[in-house]
């Protein structure tokens, strides 16, 4: 289970159901990868997650991305705790 702190101004970069934020949220990108990349190599998934994180300007660590990629690869549920600052 991961955890990230996000400014309330930047919450739209993370959540798919927020409004007013241009571009695709990280949540939407994660959901898309979860549907399309189950069973794929972890390194491949990490690279795609890194691109989504960079586009969303979020601060996930390499360990966070690896953990998320493993969940996608294995089809396991991934829980992210969000601390809004």
C-alpha atoms as a PDB file:
ATOM      1  CA  UNK A   1       0.000   0.000   0.000  1.00  0.00           C
ATOM      2  CA  UNK A   2       1.387   3.377  -0.986  1.00  0.00           C
ATOM      3  CA  UNK A   3       0.974   6.857   0.358  1.00  0.00           C
ATOM      4  CA  UNK A   4       1.392  10.254  -1.245  1.00  0.00           C
ATOM      5  CA  UNK A   5       0.933  13.823  -0.101  1.00  0.00           C
ATOM      6  CA  UNK A   6      -0.751  16.105  -2.607  1.00  0.00           C
ATOM      7  CA  UNK A   7      -1.578  19.780  -2.342  1.00  0.00           C
ATOM      8  CA  UNK A   8      -5.306  20.431  -2.558  1.00  0.00           C
ATOM      9  CA  UNK A   9      -4.527  22.620  -5.619  1.00  0.00           C
ATOM     10  CA  UNK A  10      -3.002  19.615  -7.395  1.00  0.00           C
ATOM     11  CA  UNK A  11      -5.517  16.930  -6.436  1.00  0.00           C
ATOM     12  CA  UNK A  12      -6.899  16.946  -9.990  1.00  0.00           C
ATOM     13  CA  UNK A  13      -3.583  15.606 -11.262  1.00  0.00           C
ATOM     14  CA  UNK A  14      -4.197  12.469  -9.231  1.00  0.00           C
ATOM     15  CA  UNK A  15      -7.933  11.779  -9.301  1.00  0.00           C
ATOM     16  CA  UNK A  16      -9.976  10.909 -12.366  1.00  0.00           C
ATOM     17  CA  UNK A  17     -13.240  12.377 -11.104  1.00  0.00           C
ATOM     18  CA  UNK A  18     -11.940  15.879 -10.463  1.00  0.00           C
ATOM     19  CA  UNK A  19     -12.857  18.749 -12.734  1.00  0.00           C
ATOM     20  CA  UNK A  20     -11.009  21.658 -14.221  1.00  0.00           C
ATOM     21  CA  UNK A  21      -7.643  19.954 -14.665  1.00  0.00           C
ATOM     22  CA  UNK A  22      -6.367  19.657 -18.219  1.00  0.00           C
ATOM     23  CA  UNK A  23      -4.923  16.363 -19.350  1.00  0.00           C
ATOM     24  CA  UNK A  24      -5.393  12.882 -18.010  1.00  0.00           C
ATOM     25  CA  UNK A  25      -5.210  12.170 -14.292  1.00  0.00           C
ATOM     26  CA  UNK A  26      -2.800   9.635 -12.841  1.00  0.00           C
ATOM     27  CA  UNK A  27      -5.762   7.592 -11.595  1.00  0.00           C
ATOM     28  CA  UNK A  28      -7.080   7.290 -15.156  1.00  0.00           C
ATOM     29  CA  UNK A  29      -3.658   6.270 -16.468  1.00  0.00           C
ATOM     30  CA  UNK A  30      -3.276   3.668 -13.694  1.00  0.00           C
ATOM     31  CA  UNK A  31      -6.740   2.214 -14.399  1.00  0.00           C
ATOM     32  CA  UNK A  32      -5.976   1.966 -18.108  1.00  0.00           C
ATOM     33  CA  UNK A  33      -2.699   0.147 -17.429  1.00  0.00           C
ATOM     34  CA  UNK A  34      -4.389  -2.162 -14.931  1.00  0.00           C
ATOM     35  CA  UNK A  35      -6.805  -3.235 -17.664  1.00  0.00           C
ATOM     36  CA  UNK A  36      -4.292  -3.579 -20.472  1.00  0.00           C
ATOM     37  CA  UNK A  37      -1.017  -4.690 -18.871  1.00  0.00           C
ATOM     38  CA  UNK A  38      -1.849  -7.471 -16.440  1.00  0.00           C
ATOM     39  CA  UNK A  39       0.784 -10.178 -16.800  1.00  0.00           C
ATOM     40  CA  UNK A  40       3.244  -7.909 -18.630  1.00  0.00           C
ATOM     41  CA  UNK A  41       6.809  -7.435 -17.329  1.00  0.00           C
ATOM     42  CA  UNK A  42       7.110  -5.179 -14.283  1.00  0.00           C
ATOM     43  CA  UNK A  43       9.831  -3.037 -15.899  1.00  0.00           C
ATOM     44  CA  UNK A  44       7.561  -2.282 -18.860  1.00  0.00           C
ATOM     45  CA  UNK A  45       4.741  -1.212 -16.535  1.00  0.00           C
ATOM     46  CA  UNK A  46       7.067   0.902 -14.368  1.00  0.00           C
ATOM     47  CA  UNK A  47       8.202   2.841 -17.449  1.00  0.00           C
ATOM     48  CA  UNK A  48       4.606   3.617 -18.389  1.00  0.00           C
ATOM     49  CA  UNK A  49       3.732   4.588 -14.817  1.00  0.00           C
ATOM     50  CA  UNK A  50       6.803   6.855 -14.681  1.00  0.00           C
ATOM     51  CA  UNK A  51       5.612   8.659 -17.802  1.00  0.00           C
ATOM     52  CA  UNK A  52       2.135   9.123 -16.277  1.00  0.00           C
ATOM     53  CA  UNK A  53       3.657  10.417 -13.014  1.00  0.00           C
ATOM     54  CA  UNK A  54       5.873  12.850 -14.878  1.00  0.00           C
ATOM     55  CA  UNK A  55       2.938  14.141 -16.936  1.00  0.00           C
ATOM     56  CA  UNK A  56       0.836  14.580 -13.780  1.00  0.00           C
ATOM     57  CA  UNK A  57       3.742  16.224 -11.918  1.00  0.00           C
ATOM     58  CA  UNK A  58       3.327  13.894  -8.937  1.00  0.00           C
ATOM     59  CA  UNK A  59       6.024  12.747  -6.537  1.00  0.00           C
ATOM     60  CA  UNK A  60       5.924   8.966  -6.547  1.00  0.00           C
ATOM     61  CA  UNK A  61       9.236   7.291  -5.730  1.00  0.00           C
ATOM     62  CA  UNK A  62      10.743   4.453  -7.747  1.00  0.00           C
ATOM     63  CA  UNK A  63       9.684   2.065  -4.969  1.00  0.00           C
ATOM     64  CA  UNK A  64       6.091   3.362  -5.187  1.00  0.00           C
ATOM     65  CA  UNK A  65       6.030   2.771  -8.929  1.00  0.00           C
ATOM     66  CA  UNK A  66       7.507  -0.706  -8.601  1.00  0.00           C
ATOM     67  CA  UNK A  67       4.863  -1.618  -6.004  1.00  0.00           C
ATOM     68  CA  UNK A  68       2.102  -0.309  -8.268  1.00  0.00           C
ATOM     69  CA  UNK A  69       3.532  -2.119 -11.291  1.00  0.00           C
ATOM     70  CA  UNK A  70       3.640  -5.385  -9.362  1.00  0.00           C
ATOM     71  CA  UNK A  71      -0.020  -4.960  -8.436  1.00  0.00           C
ATOM     72  CA  UNK A  72      -0.905  -4.365 -12.084  1.00  0.00           C
ATOM     73  CA  UNK A  73       1.224  -7.301 -13.280  1.00  0.00           C
ATOM     74  CA  UNK A  74      -0.357  -9.728 -10.840  1.00  0.00           C
ATOM     75  CA  UNK A  75      -3.887  -8.333 -10.989  1.00  0.00           C
ATOM     76  CA  UNK A  76      -3.877  -7.533  -7.291  1.00  0.00           C
ATOM     77  CA  UNK A  77      -5.781  -4.624  -5.802  1.00  0.00           C
ATOM     78  CA  UNK A  78      -3.634  -1.594  -5.029  1.00  0.00           C
ATOM     79  CA  UNK A  79      -4.543   0.858  -2.281  1.00  0.00           C
ATOM     80  CA  UNK A  80      -3.082   4.350  -2.215  1.00  0.00           C
ATOM     81  CA  UNK A  81      -3.473   6.575   0.830  1.00  0.00           C
ATOM     82  CA  UNK A  82      -3.669  10.244  -0.100  1.00  0.00           C
ATOM     83  CA  UNK A  83      -2.768  12.994   2.335  1.00  0.00           C
ATOM     84  CA  UNK A  84      -4.151  16.319   1.119  1.00  0.00           C
ATOM     85  CA  UNK A  85      -2.096  19.281   2.285  1.00  0.00           C
END
